[in-house]
C-alpha atoms as a PDB file:
ATOM      1  CA  UNK A   1     -10.212  -5.312 -18.327  1.00  0.00           C
ATOM      2  CA  UNK A   2      -8.730  -8.090 -16.268  1.00  0.00           C
ATOM      3  CA  UNK A   3      -6.261  -6.882 -13.634  1.00  0.00           C
ATOM      4  CA  UNK A   4      -3.833  -8.425 -11.062  1.00  0.00           C
ATOM      5  CA  UNK A   5      -3.607  -7.393  -7.780  1.00  0.00           C
ATOM      6  CA  UNK A   6      -1.124  -8.430  -6.101  1.00  0.00           C
ATOM      7  CA  UNK A   7      -0.794  -8.123  -2.176  1.00  0.00           C
ATOM      8  CA  UNK A   8      -4.618  -8.277  -2.219  1.00  0.00           C
ATOM      9  CA  UNK A   9      -5.152  -9.673   1.257  1.00  0.00           C
ATOM     10  CA  UNK A  10      -3.330  -6.755   2.448  1.00  0.00           C
ATOM     11  CA  UNK A  11      -4.510  -3.364   3.422  1.00  0.00           C
ATOM     12  CA  UNK A  12      -4.102  -1.366   0.579  1.00  0.00           C
ATOM     13  CA  UNK A  13      -4.684  -4.252  -2.108  1.00  0.00           C
ATOM     14  CA  UNK A  14      -7.871  -5.395  -0.227  1.00  0.00           C
ATOM     15  CA  UNK A  15      -9.414  -1.852  -0.911  1.00  0.00           C
ATOM     16  CA  UNK A  16      -8.310  -1.634  -4.677  1.00  0.00           C
ATOM     17  CA  UNK A  17      -9.457  -4.868  -5.232  1.00  0.00           C
ATOM     18  CA  UNK A  18     -12.720  -4.221  -4.110  1.00  0.00           C
ATOM     19  CA  UNK A  19     -12.908  -0.982  -5.738  1.00  0.00           C
ATOM     20  CA  UNK A  20     -12.209  -2.488  -9.327  1.00  0.00           C
ATOM     21  CA  UNK A  21     -14.523  -5.252  -8.946  1.00  0.00           C
ATOM     22  CA  UNK A  22     -17.355  -2.751  -8.233  1.00  0.00           C
ATOM     23  CA  UNK A  23     -16.204  -0.973 -11.360  1.00  0.00           C
ATOM     24  CA  UNK A  24     -16.817  -4.370 -13.166  1.00  0.00           C
ATOM     25  CA  UNK A  25     -13.669  -5.356 -13.987  1.00  0.00           C
ATOM     26  CA  UNK A  26     -12.481  -8.962 -14.080  1.00  0.00           C
ATOM     27  CA  UNK A  27     -10.055  -8.927 -11.374  1.00  0.00           C
ATOM     28  CA  UNK A  28      -7.179 -11.854 -10.061  1.00  0.00           C
ATOM     29  CA  UNK A  29      -6.074 -11.331  -6.278  1.00  0.00           C
ATOM     30  CA  UNK A  30      -2.356 -12.817  -5.339  1.00  0.00           C
ATOM     31  CA  UNK A  31      -0.991 -12.661  -1.791  1.00  0.00           C
ATOM     32  CA  UNK A  32       1.533 -15.073  -0.051  1.00  0.00           C
ATOM     33  CA  UNK A  33      -0.205 -14.364   3.229  1.00  0.00           C
ATOM     34  CA  UNK A  34       2.999 -14.200   5.429  1.00  0.00           C
ATOM     35  CA  UNK A  35       2.871 -13.735   8.953  1.00  0.00           C
ATOM     36  CA  UNK A  36       4.138 -10.686   9.608  1.00  0.00           C
ATOM     37  CA  UNK A  37       1.424  -9.562  10.991  1.00  0.00           C
ATOM     38  CA  UNK A  38      -2.006 -11.705  12.142  1.00  0.00           C
ATOM     39  CA  UNK A  39      -3.015 -13.840   9.127  1.00  0.00           C
ATOM     40  CA  UNK A  40      -6.400 -13.904  10.080  1.00  0.00           C
ATOM     41  CA  UNK A  41      -6.964 -10.275   9.659  1.00  0.00           C
ATOM     42  CA  UNK A  42      -5.665 -11.078   5.696  1.00  0.00           C
ATOM     43  CA  UNK A  43      -8.265 -14.251   5.574  1.00  0.00           C
ATOM     44  CA  UNK A  44     -10.970 -11.482   7.038  1.00  0.00           C
ATOM     45  CA  UNK A  45     -10.143  -9.174   4.322  1.00  0.00           C
ATOM     46  CA  UNK A  46     -10.224 -12.218   1.653  1.00  0.00           C
ATOM     47  CA  UNK A  47     -13.593 -13.055   3.221  1.00  0.00           C
ATOM     48  CA  UNK A  48     -15.310  -9.613   2.390  1.00  0.00           C
ATOM     49  CA  UNK A  49     -14.022 -10.510  -1.172  1.00  0.00           C
ATOM     50  CA  UNK A  50     -16.189 -14.090  -1.017  1.00  0.00           C
ATOM     51  CA  UNK A  51     -12.850 -15.907  -0.749  1.00  0.00           C
ATOM     52  CA  UNK A  52     -13.358 -18.792   2.281  1.00  0.00           C
ATOM     53  CA  UNK A  53     -10.040 -19.104   4.095  1.00  0.00           C
ATOM     54  CA  UNK A  54     -10.002 -23.160   3.763  1.00  0.00           C
ATOM     55  CA  UNK A  55      -9.824 -22.096  -0.081  1.00  0.00           C
ATOM     56  CA  UNK A  56      -7.026 -19.742   0.193  1.00  0.00           C
ATOM     57  CA  UNK A  57      -4.877 -21.914   2.523  1.00  0.00           C
ATOM     58  CA  UNK A  58      -3.071 -24.044  -0.143  1.00  0.00           C
ATOM     59  CA  UNK A  59      -0.407 -22.439  -2.478  1.00  0.00           C
ATOM     60  CA  UNK A  60      -1.047 -22.356  -6.413  1.00  0.00           C
ATOM     61  CA  UNK A  61      -4.581 -23.272  -6.327  1.00  0.00           C
ATOM     62  CA  UNK A  62      -7.021 -20.745  -7.856  1.00  0.00           C
ATOM     63  CA  UNK A  63     -10.052 -19.652  -5.505  1.00  0.00           C
ATOM     64  CA  UNK A  64     -13.120 -18.524  -6.728  1.00  0.00           C
ATOM     65  CA  UNK A  65     -15.226 -15.585  -5.372  1.00  0.00           C
ATOM     66  CA  UNK A  66     -18.636 -16.473  -3.698  1.00  0.00           C
ATOM     67  CA  UNK A  67     -19.493 -12.950  -3.671  1.00  0.00           C
ATOM     68  CA  UNK A  68     -18.084 -11.467  -6.953  1.00  0.00           C
ATOM     69  CA  UNK A  69     -18.575 -13.727 -10.210  1.00  0.00           C
ATOM     70  CA  UNK A  70     -15.392 -11.390 -11.150  1.00  0.00           C
ATOM     71  CA  UNK A  71     -12.648 -12.921  -9.044  1.00  0.00           C
ATOM     72  CA  UNK A  72     -10.467 -15.171  -8.093  1.00  0.00           C
ATOM     73  CA  UNK A  73      -7.494 -15.823  -5.911  1.00  0.00           C
ATOM     74  CA  UNK A  74      -4.384 -17.614  -5.397  1.00  0.00           C
ATOM     75  CA  UNK A  75      -2.087 -17.903  -2.509  1.00  0.00           C
ATOM     76  CA  UNK A  76       1.363 -17.223  -4.272  1.00  0.00           C
ATOM     77  CA  UNK A  77       4.896 -15.640  -3.617  1.00  0.00           C
ATOM     78  CA  UNK A  78       6.271 -13.287  -6.249  1.00  0.00           C
ATOM     79  CA  UNK A  79       9.512 -15.065  -5.670  1.00  0.00           C
ATOM     80  CA  UNK A  80       8.160 -18.267  -7.263  1.00  0.00           C
ATOM     81  CA  UNK A  81       9.558 -18.063 -10.636  1.00  0.00           C
ATOM     82  CA  UNK A  82       7.849 -20.993 -11.400  1.00  0.00           C
ATOM     83  CA  UNK A  83       4.064 -20.773 -10.960  1.00  0.00           C
ATOM     84  CA  UNK A  84       3.916 -16.690 -11.520  1.00  0.00           C
ATOM     85  CA  UNK A  85       5.089 -16.952 -15.217  1.00  0.00           C
ATOM     86  CA  UNK A  86       2.645 -19.597 -15.731  1.00  0.00           C
ATOM     87  CA  UNK A  87      -0.273 -17.618 -14.084  1.00  0.00           C
ATOM     88  CA  UNK A  88       0.379 -14.874 -16.266  1.00  0.00           C
ATOM     89  CA  UNK A  89       0.564 -17.012 -19.120  1.00  0.00           C
ATOM     90  CA  UNK A  90      -3.048 -18.285 -18.224  1.00  0.00           C
ATOM     91  CA  UNK A  91      -4.813 -15.477 -17.590  1.00  0.00           C
ATOM     92  CA  UNK A  92      -3.612 -12.954 -20.345  1.00  0.00           C
ATOM     93  CA  UNK A  93      -3.738  -9.837 -18.132  1.00  0.00           C
ATOM     94  CA  UNK A  94      -4.128  -6.051 -19.321  1.00  0.00           C
ATOM     95  CA  UNK A  95      -2.824  -4.129 -16.343  1.00  0.00           C
ATOM     96  CA  UNK A  96      -0.802  -5.476 -13.108  1.00  0.00           C
ATOM     97  CA  UNK A  97      -0.914  -3.731  -9.984  1.00  0.00           C
ATOM     98  CA  UNK A  98       2.009  -4.645  -7.414  1.00  0.00           C
ATOM     99  CA  UNK A  99       1.037  -3.868  -4.222  1.00  0.00           C
ATOM    100  CA  UNK A 100       2.698  -6.882  -2.623  1.00  0.00           C
ATOM    101  CA  UNK A 101       5.990  -6.154  -0.873  1.00  0.00           C
ATOM    102  CA  UNK A 102       7.264  -6.817   2.692  1.00  0.00           C
ATOM    103  CA  UNK A 103       6.349  -3.730   4.373  1.00  0.00           C
ATOM    104  CA  UNK A 104       7.804  -1.883   7.838  1.00  0.00           C
ATOM    105  CA  UNK A 105      10.599   0.055   8.046  1.00  0.00           C
ATOM    106  CA  UNK A 106      12.131  -1.098  11.725  1.00  0.00           C
ATOM    107  CA  UNK A 107      11.426  -4.740  10.612  1.00  0.00           C
ATOM    108  CA  UNK A 108      13.655  -4.162   7.271  1.00  0.00           C
ATOM    109  CA  UNK A 109      16.540  -3.308  10.121  1.00  0.00           C
ATOM    110  CA  UNK A 110      16.181  -6.839  11.994  1.00  0.00           C
ATOM    111  CA  UNK A 111      14.866  -8.642   8.527  1.00  0.00           C
ATOM    112  CA  UNK A 112      16.988  -7.772   5.668  1.00  0.00           C
ATOM    113  CA  UNK A 113      16.646 -10.938   3.826  1.00  0.00           C
ATOM    114  CA  UNK A 114      12.773 -10.567   3.558  1.00  0.00           C
ATOM    115  CA  UNK A 115      12.971  -7.636   1.971  1.00  0.00           C
ATOM    116  CA  UNK A 116      15.576  -8.600  -0.616  1.00  0.00           C
ATOM    117  CA  UNK A 117      13.701 -11.865  -1.435  1.00  0.00           C
ATOM    118  CA  UNK A 118       9.905  -9.948  -1.507  1.00  0.00           C
ATOM    119  CA  UNK A 119      10.845  -6.483  -2.472  1.00  0.00           C
ATOM    120  CA  UNK A 120      13.674  -7.066  -5.132  1.00  0.00           C
ATOM    121  CA  UNK A 121      13.349 -10.742  -6.470  1.00  0.00           C
ATOM    122  CA  UNK A 122       9.757 -10.588  -6.407  1.00  0.00           C
ATOM    123  CA  UNK A 123       9.521  -6.823  -8.186  1.00  0.00           C
ATOM    124  CA  UNK A 124      12.212  -8.677 -10.858  1.00  0.00           C
ATOM    125  CA  UNK A 125       9.801 -11.687 -11.678  1.00  0.00           C
ATOM    126  CA  UNK A 126       6.899  -9.233 -11.832  1.00  0.00           C
ATOM    127  CA  UNK A 127       8.849  -7.266 -14.111  1.00  0.00           C
ATOM    128  CA  UNK A 128      10.107 -10.041 -16.617  1.00  0.00           C
ATOM    129  CA  UNK A 129       6.183 -11.306 -16.498  1.00  0.00           C
ATOM    130  CA  UNK A 130       4.968  -8.150 -17.860  1.00  0.00           C
ATOM    131  CA  UNK A 131       7.589  -8.100 -20.331  1.00  0.00           C
ATOM    132  CA  UNK A 132       6.794 -11.601 -21.658  1.00  0.00           C
ATOM    133  CA  UNK A 133       3.059 -11.695 -21.520  1.00  0.00           C
ATOM    134  CA  UNK A 134       2.618  -8.422 -23.125  1.00  0.00           C
ATOM    135  CA  UNK A 135       1.151  -6.529 -20.167  1.00  0.00           C
ATOM    136  CA  UNK A 136      -0.043  -2.952 -21.288  1.00  0.00           C
ATOM    137  CA  UNK A 137       0.629  -1.263 -17.559  1.00  0.00           C
ATOM    138  CA  UNK A 138       2.287  -2.083 -14.379  1.00  0.00           C
ATOM    139  CA  UNK A 139       1.152   0.317 -11.659  1.00  0.00           C
ATOM    140  CA  UNK A 140       3.221  -0.611  -8.813  1.00  0.00           C
ATOM    141  CA  UNK A 141       3.670   0.513  -4.779  1.00  0.00           C
ATOM    142  CA  UNK A 142       6.582   2.901  -4.167  1.00  0.00           C
ATOM    143  CA  UNK A 143       6.994   4.787  -0.248  1.00  0.00           C
ATOM    144  CA  UNK A 144       7.428   8.107   0.923  1.00  0.00           C
ATOM    145  CA  UNK A 145      10.208   6.372   3.082  1.00  0.00           C
ATOM    146  CA  UNK A 146      12.666   6.778  -0.409  1.00  0.00           C
ATOM    147  CA  UNK A 147      13.061  10.475   0.435  1.00  0.00           C
ATOM    148  CA  UNK A 148      14.694   9.604   3.696  1.00  0.00           C
ATOM    149  CA  UNK A 149      16.285  12.186   5.457  1.00  0.00           C
ATOM    150  CA  UNK A 150      15.386  14.868   2.592  1.00  0.00           C
ATOM    151  CA  UNK A 151      14.634  18.363   4.599  1.00  0.00           C
ATOM    152  CA  UNK A 152      12.859  19.808   1.802  1.00  0.00           C
ATOM    153  CA  UNK A 153       9.126  20.266   2.372  1.00  0.00           C
ATOM    154  CA  UNK A 154       6.647  19.354   0.953  1.00  0.00           C
ATOM    155  CA  UNK A 155       8.482  16.314  -0.836  1.00  0.00           C
ATOM    156  CA  UNK A 156       8.392  16.284  -4.457  1.00  0.00           C
ATOM    157  CA  UNK A 157       8.938  13.729  -7.131  1.00  0.00           C
ATOM    158  CA  UNK A 158      12.164  15.673  -8.709  1.00  0.00           C
ATOM    159  CA  UNK A 159      13.705  15.955  -5.014  1.00  0.00           C
ATOM    160  CA  UNK A 160      16.410  13.785  -4.863  1.00  0.00           C
ATOM    161  CA  UNK A 161      16.243  10.305  -3.104  1.00  0.00           C
ATOM    162  CA  UNK A 162      19.707   8.818  -3.081  1.00  0.00           C
ATOM    163  CA  UNK A 163      20.339   8.641   0.622  1.00  0.00           C
ATOM    164  CA  UNK A 164      17.306   6.111   1.779  1.00  0.00           C
ATOM    165  CA  UNK A 165      17.599   5.402   5.753  1.00  0.00           C
ATOM    166  CA  UNK A 166      16.192   1.885   5.702  1.00  0.00           C
ATOM    167  CA  UNK A 167      16.623  -1.027   3.537  1.00  0.00           C
ATOM    168  CA  UNK A 168      12.747  -1.068   2.899  1.00  0.00           C
ATOM    169  CA  UNK A 169      13.249   2.736   1.605  1.00  0.00           C
ATOM    170  CA  UNK A 170      16.269   1.172  -0.836  1.00  0.00           C
ATOM    171  CA  UNK A 171      14.122  -1.773  -1.677  1.00  0.00           C
ATOM    172  CA  UNK A 172      11.211   0.911  -3.025  1.00  0.00           C
ATOM    173  CA  UNK A 173      14.333   3.212  -4.854  1.00  0.00           C
ATOM    174  CA  UNK A 174      15.587  -0.139  -6.347  1.00  0.00           C
ATOM    175  CA  UNK A 175      12.055  -0.969  -7.588  1.00  0.00           C
ATOM    176  CA  UNK A 176      11.582   2.625  -9.653  1.00  0.00           C
ATOM    177  CA  UNK A 177      15.050   1.969 -10.776  1.00  0.00           C
ATOM    178  CA  UNK A 178      13.957  -1.616 -12.277  1.00  0.00           C
ATOM    179  CA  UNK A 179      10.774   0.114 -13.520  1.00  0.00           C
ATOM    180  CA  UNK A 180      12.408   3.053 -15.659  1.00  0.00           C
ATOM    181  CA  UNK A 181      15.157   0.309 -17.151  1.00  0.00           C
ATOM    182  CA  UNK A 182      12.202  -2.064 -18.170  1.00  0.00           C
ATOM    183  CA  UNK A 183      10.488   0.927 -19.435  1.00  0.00           C
ATOM    184  CA  UNK A 184      13.406   2.295 -21.457  1.00  0.00           C
ATOM    185  CA  UNK A 185      14.726  -1.126 -23.014  1.00  0.00           C
ATOM    186  CA  UNK A 186      11.113  -2.906 -23.485  1.00  0.00           C
ATOM    187  CA  UNK A 187       8.654   0.164 -23.509  1.00  0.00           C
ATOM    188  CA  UNK A 188       6.918  -1.554 -20.661  1.00  0.00           C
ATOM    189  CA  UNK A 189       4.682   1.416 -19.676  1.00  0.00           C
ATOM    190  CA  UNK A 190       5.118   1.568 -15.433  1.00  0.00           C
ATOM    191  CA  UNK A 191       3.403   4.012 -13.070  1.00  0.00           C
ATOM    192  CA  UNK A 192       5.494   4.088  -9.673  1.00  0.00           C
ATOM    193  CA  UNK A 193       3.244   5.581  -6.718  1.00  0.00           C
ATOM    194  CA  UNK A 194       4.902   7.002  -3.628  1.00  0.00           C
ATOM    195  CA  UNK A 195       2.579   6.040  -0.539  1.00  0.00           C
ATOM    196  CA  UNK A 196       2.427   8.489   2.291  1.00  0.00           C
ATOM    197  CA  UNK A 197       1.030   7.256   5.477  1.00  0.00           C
ATOM    198  CA  UNK A 198      -2.084   5.385   4.658  1.00  0.00           C
ATOM    199  CA  UNK A 199      -4.829   4.746   7.537  1.00  0.00           C
ATOM    200  CA  UNK A 200      -8.693   3.314   7.610  1.00  0.00           C
ATOM    201  CA  UNK A 201     -10.576   0.720   8.127  1.00  0.00           C
ATOM    202  CA  UNK A 202      -9.013  -2.796   7.760  1.00  0.00           C
ATOM    203  CA  UNK A 203      -5.667  -1.291   8.162  1.00  0.00           C
ATOM    204  CA  UNK A 204      -2.749  -2.954   9.028  1.00  0.00           C
ATOM    205  CA  UNK A 205      -1.504  -3.752  13.164  1.00  0.00           C
ATOM    206  CA  UNK A 206       1.859  -2.313  13.008  1.00  0.00           C
ATOM    207  CA  UNK A 207       0.564   0.930  11.919  1.00  0.00           C
ATOM    208  CA  UNK A 208       0.569   3.888  14.512  1.00  0.00           C
ATOM    209  CA  UNK A 209      -3.744   3.996  14.435  1.00  0.00           C
ATOM    210  CA  UNK A 210      -4.064   0.602  14.872  1.00  0.00           C
ATOM    211  CA  UNK A 211      -1.355   0.281  17.374  1.00  0.00           C
ATOM    212  CA  UNK A 212      -2.968   3.233  19.505  1.00  0.00           C
ATOM    213  CA  UNK A 213      -6.429   2.705  19.339  1.00  0.00           C
ATOM    214  CA  UNK A 214      -5.631  -0.838  20.703  1.00  0.00           C
ATOM    215  CA  UNK A 215      -3.633   0.733  23.643  1.00  0.00           C
ATOM    216  CA  UNK A 216      -5.872   3.269  24.697  1.00  0.00           C
ATOM    217  CA  UNK A 217      -8.906   0.626  24.726  1.00  0.00           C
ATOM    218  CA  UNK A 218      -6.619  -1.735  26.959  1.00  0.00           C
ATOM    219  CA  UNK A 219      -5.652   0.786  29.195  1.00  0.00           C
ATOM    220  CA  UNK A 220      -2.047   0.715  27.980  1.00  0.00           C
ATOM    221  CA  UNK A 221       0.230   3.384  27.328  1.00  0.00           C
ATOM    222  CA  UNK A 222       0.607   4.477  23.825  1.00  0.00           C
ATOM    223  CA  UNK A 223       4.323   4.714  22.614  1.00  0.00           C
ATOM    224  CA  UNK A 224       4.974   8.217  21.595  1.00  0.00           C
ATOM    225  CA  UNK A 225       8.345   8.526  19.452  1.00  0.00           C
ATOM    226  CA  UNK A 226      11.188  11.464  19.107  1.00  0.00           C
ATOM    227  CA  UNK A 227       9.031  12.790  22.327  1.00  0.00           C
ATOM    228  CA  UNK A 228       5.730  13.624  19.787  1.00  0.00           C
ATOM    229  CA  UNK A 229       7.794  16.014  17.578  1.00  0.00           C
ATOM    230  CA  UNK A 230       6.585  14.226  14.688  1.00  0.00           C
ATOM    231  CA  UNK A 231       4.631  15.313  11.779  1.00  0.00           C
ATOM    232  CA  UNK A 232       2.787  12.598   9.001  1.00  0.00           C
ATOM    233  CA  UNK A 233       1.242  12.781   5.695  1.00  0.00           C
ATOM    234  CA  UNK A 234      -1.856  11.200   6.706  1.00  0.00           C
ATOM    235  CA  UNK A 235      -3.961   9.604   3.995  1.00  0.00           C
ATOM    236  CA  UNK A 236      -7.458   7.738   4.199  1.00  0.00           C
ATOM    237  CA  UNK A 237      -7.671   4.384   2.110  1.00  0.00           C
ATOM    238  CA  UNK A 238     -10.643   5.813   0.339  1.00  0.00           C
ATOM    239  CA  UNK A 239      -8.584   8.861  -1.362  1.00  0.00           C
ATOM    240  CA  UNK A 240      -5.681   6.403  -1.888  1.00  0.00           C
ATOM    241  CA  UNK A 241      -7.829   3.932  -3.676  1.00  0.00           C
ATOM    242  CA  UNK A 242      -9.714   6.306  -5.775  1.00  0.00           C
ATOM    243  CA  UNK A 243      -6.333   7.562  -7.139  1.00  0.00           C
ATOM    244  CA  UNK A 244      -4.755   4.102  -7.782  1.00  0.00           C
ATOM    245  CA  UNK A 245      -8.053   3.065 -10.024  1.00  0.00           C
ATOM    246  CA  UNK A 246      -7.993   6.160 -11.711  1.00  0.00           C
ATOM    247  CA  UNK A 247      -4.558   5.277 -12.939  1.00  0.00           C
ATOM    248  CA  UNK A 248      -5.231   1.698 -13.424  1.00  0.00           C
ATOM    249  CA  UNK A 249      -8.549   2.320 -15.840  1.00  0.00           C
ATOM    250  CA  UNK A 250      -6.071   5.245 -17.438  1.00  0.00           C
ATOM    251  CA  UNK A 251      -8.094   8.095 -16.940  1.00  0.00           C
ATOM    252  CA  UNK A 252      -5.699  10.420 -17.786  1.00  0.00           C
ATOM    253  CA  UNK A 253      -6.719  13.954 -18.164  1.00  0.00           C
ATOM    254  CA  UNK A 254      -3.143  15.973 -18.555  1.00  0.00           C
ATOM    255  CA  UNK A 255      -2.785  18.708 -21.253  1.00  0.00           C
ATOM    256  CA  UNK A 256      -2.294  16.396 -24.049  1.00  0.00           C
ATOM    257  CA  UNK A 257      -2.915  12.697 -24.572  1.00  0.00           C
ATOM    258  CA  UNK A 258       0.681  11.074 -24.484  1.00  0.00           C
ATOM    259  CA  UNK A 259       1.227   7.834 -22.727  1.00  0.00           C
ATOM    260  CA  UNK A 260       3.845   8.059 -20.005  1.00  0.00           C
ATOM    261  CA  UNK A 261       6.224   5.307 -20.318  1.00  0.00           C
ATOM    262  CA  UNK A 262       7.772   6.038 -17.001  1.00  0.00           C
ATOM    263  CA  UNK A 263       6.077   7.847 -14.615  1.00  0.00           C
ATOM    264  CA  UNK A 264       6.258   8.345 -10.421  1.00  0.00           C
ATOM    265  CA  UNK A 265       3.779   9.902  -8.313  1.00  0.00           C
ATOM    266  CA  UNK A 266       3.371  11.025  -4.727  1.00  0.00           C
ATOM    267  CA  UNK A 267       0.190  10.105  -3.520  1.00  0.00           C
ATOM    268  CA  UNK A 268      -0.854  11.179  -0.057  1.00  0.00           C
ATOM    269  CA  UNK A 269      -3.126  13.888   1.369  1.00  0.00           C
ATOM    270  CA  UNK A 270      -1.170  17.327   0.600  1.00  0.00           C
ATOM    271  CA  UNK A 271      -0.914  18.473   4.026  1.00  0.00           C
ATOM    272  CA  UNK A 272       1.227  17.446   6.837  1.00  0.00           C
ATOM    273  CA  UNK A 273      -0.443  16.562  10.116  1.00  0.00           C
ATOM    274  CA  UNK A 274       1.187  16.670  13.814  1.00  0.00           C
ATOM    275  CA  UNK A 275       1.105  13.482  15.779  1.00  0.00           C
ATOM    276  CA  UNK A 276       0.079  15.567  19.112  1.00  0.00           C
ATOM    277  CA  UNK A 277      -3.102  16.520  16.683  1.00  0.00           C
ATOM    278  CA  UNK A 278      -3.173  12.756  15.353  1.00  0.00           C
ATOM    279  CA  UNK A 279      -3.621  11.652  18.842  1.00  0.00           C
ATOM    280  CA  UNK A 280      -5.852  14.398  20.073  1.00  0.00           C
ATOM    281  CA  UNK A 281      -8.442  13.544  16.836  1.00  0.00           C
ATOM    282  CA  UNK A 282      -8.194   9.483  18.188  1.00  0.00           C
ATOM    283  CA  UNK A 283      -8.290  10.697  21.896  1.00  0.00           C
ATOM    284  CA  UNK A 284     -11.983  12.499  20.931  1.00  0.00           C
ATOM    285  CA  UNK A 285     -13.416   9.650  18.712  1.00  0.00           C
ATOM    286  CA  UNK A 286     -12.496   7.152  21.673  1.00  0.00           C
ATOM    287  CA  UNK A 287     -13.544   9.630  24.053  1.00  0.00           C
ATOM    288  CA  UNK A 288     -10.784   8.425  25.899  1.00  0.00           C
ATOM    289  CA  UNK A 289      -7.295  10.445  27.032  1.00  0.00           C
ATOM    290  CA  UNK A 290      -4.470   8.405  26.483  1.00  0.00           C
ATOM    291  CA  UNK A 291      -1.690   7.298  28.538  1.00  0.00           C
ATOM    292  CA  UNK A 292       1.508   8.368  26.673  1.00  0.00           C
ATOM    293  CA  UNK A 293       5.116   7.103  26.936  1.00  0.00           C
ATOM    294  CA  UNK A 294       7.321   9.618  25.119  1.00  0.00           C
ATOM    295  CA  UNK A 295      10.217   7.759  23.525  1.00  0.00           C
ATOM    296  CA  UNK A 296      13.001   8.810  21.177  1.00  0.00           C
ATOM    297  CA  UNK A 297      13.454   8.495  17.599  1.00  0.00           C
ATOM    298  CA  UNK A 298      13.491   5.222  16.537  1.00  0.00           C
ATOM    299  CA  UNK A 299      16.148   3.748  13.990  1.00  0.00           C
ATOM    300  CA  UNK A 300      15.349   4.306  10.177  1.00  0.00           C
ATOM    301  CA  UNK A 301      12.442   6.622  11.062  1.00  0.00           C
ATOM    302  CA  UNK A 302      11.673  10.411   9.821  1.00  0.00           C
ATOM    303  CA  UNK A 303      10.469  13.332  11.446  1.00  0.00           C
ATOM    304  CA  UNK A 304       8.046  14.698   8.947  1.00  0.00           C
ATOM    305  CA  UNK A 305       6.504  13.751   5.955  1.00  0.00           C
ATOM    306  CA  UNK A 306       4.548  15.913   3.526  1.00  0.00           C
ATOM    307  CA  UNK A 307       3.642  15.044   0.087  1.00  0.00           C
ATOM    308  CA  UNK A 308       3.314  17.600  -3.092  1.00  0.00           C
ATOM    309  CA  UNK A 309       0.621  15.762  -5.409  1.00  0.00           C
ATOM    310  CA  UNK A 310       0.289  18.249  -7.522  1.00  0.00           C
ATOM    311  CA  UNK A 311       1.320  16.234 -10.708  1.00  0.00           C
ATOM    312  CA  UNK A 312      -1.166  13.491  -9.726  1.00  0.00           C
ATOM    313  CA  UNK A 313      -3.797  16.143  -9.461  1.00  0.00           C
ATOM    314  CA  UNK A 314      -3.039  17.451 -13.131  1.00  0.00           C
ATOM    315  CA  UNK A 315      -2.850  13.838 -15.291  1.00  0.00           C
ATOM    316  CA  UNK A 316      -5.626  12.216 -13.179  1.00  0.00           C
ATOM    317  CA  UNK A 317      -7.764  14.680 -11.094  1.00  0.00           C
ATOM    318  CA  UNK A 318      -6.441  13.440  -7.826  1.00  0.00           C
ATOM    319  CA  UNK A 319      -8.074  15.233  -4.991  1.00  0.00           C
ATOM    320  CA  UNK A 320      -7.550  13.764  -1.381  1.00  0.00           C
ATOM    321  CA  UNK A 321     -10.321  15.543   0.818  1.00  0.00           C
ATOM    322  CA  UNK A 322     -11.250  13.278   3.856  1.00  0.00           C
ATOM    323  CA  UNK A 323     -10.286  15.285   7.338  1.00  0.00           C
ATOM    324  CA  UNK A 324      -8.402  13.523   9.566  1.00  0.00           C
ATOM    325  CA  UNK A 325     -11.154  13.656  12.224  1.00  0.00           C
ATOM    326  CA  UNK A 326     -13.928  11.738  10.028  1.00  0.00           C
ATOM    327  CA  UNK A 327     -11.001   9.102   8.555  1.00  0.00           C
ATOM    328  CA  UNK A 328     -10.207   8.364  12.487  1.00  0.00           C
ATOM    329  CA  UNK A 329     -13.843   8.321  13.319  1.00  0.00           C
ATOM    330  CA  UNK A 330     -14.289   5.476  10.343  1.00  0.00           C
ATOM    331  CA  UNK A 331     -11.298   3.099  11.443  1.00  0.00           C
ATOM    332  CA  UNK A 332     -12.747   3.308  15.333  1.00  0.00           C
ATOM    333  CA  UNK A 333     -15.842   2.007  14.247  1.00  0.00           C
ATOM    334  CA  UNK A 334     -14.331  -0.643  12.163  1.00  0.00           C
ATOM    335  CA  UNK A 335     -11.733  -1.481  14.872  1.00  0.00           C
ATOM    336  CA  UNK A 336     -14.842  -2.196  17.340  1.00  0.00           C
ATOM    337  CA  UNK A 337     -16.749  -4.064  14.974  1.00  0.00           C
ATOM    338  CA  UNK A 338     -13.849  -6.375  13.976  1.00  0.00           C
ATOM    339  CA  UNK A 339     -13.036  -7.078  17.226  1.00  0.00           C
ATOM    340  CA  UNK A 340     -16.519  -8.252  18.179  1.00  0.00           C
ATOM    341  CA  UNK A 341     -16.019 -10.517  15.248  1.00  0.00           C
ATOM    342  CA  UNK A 342     -12.438 -11.458  15.300  1.00  0.00           C
ATOM    343  CA  UNK A 343     -11.828 -15.231  16.579  1.00  0.00           C
END
């Protein structure tokens, strides 16, 4: 099938694109390559997919992969109401996997406009294009942040998500509501995925594992918020990708063959790991004891996340099984290699 993956130069988008290509699909990757974090990392991910950085510099220009005959990339913003429909009309996508978004909880407090432009306006444009151009299925990224200050653990998709505590979370909840509206009005099949804390090789520099690893290797103190009393459902990227691609490929194995028009799933590791245990695993992998600066909770943050993934397991056979120690060791090995190659 022909699949559009937005956010293809991002962490999850890169890995999903690679998996889909290895599974034999035709993929068009889209990304605006903004400077929220180092664009060299984004271009390096694209390089792994066979896209030369020079070919990916210009907006709205289609670049061909030197590694995968079934992959093309276009630098484009979801906010572009002129070029995005042209792309949909030309390519006739079967499935759209929308992983593009302005990321970051704390950044949303300082730069709210970026989240409205990308996560609300951009998502509306995706929905409109899916409606007008006969896309069979829209799979899109939501976030565990929608649970806000929910105290009930583990988080379930039936829980109330009416009290987000960051604009990022509010934008993701808005996406779910918008998708529901389009599923109801126009019969578009939509599946939203509430990602929990994803980590692994080619991860984002603003995420804890990347920040911790860099600081420890540089001899700097790591910032440990809420005085270390944090827990996260850390989920290794390979487990995430396995779940996402099964949904894209429509490998539904539920009790009946109903094609759900609107579904929301948690996608995580189905367990919560204490932040201090996570740090200990990183120290062991690096063979270095971290210097720690204990700090209070940050605005917009939550103390604990834990995904109940029973629905995804029942419907798609989702089975996250990567131990944190293994996942961290794979990230550390990649981090050291990448920094040897980085400009």
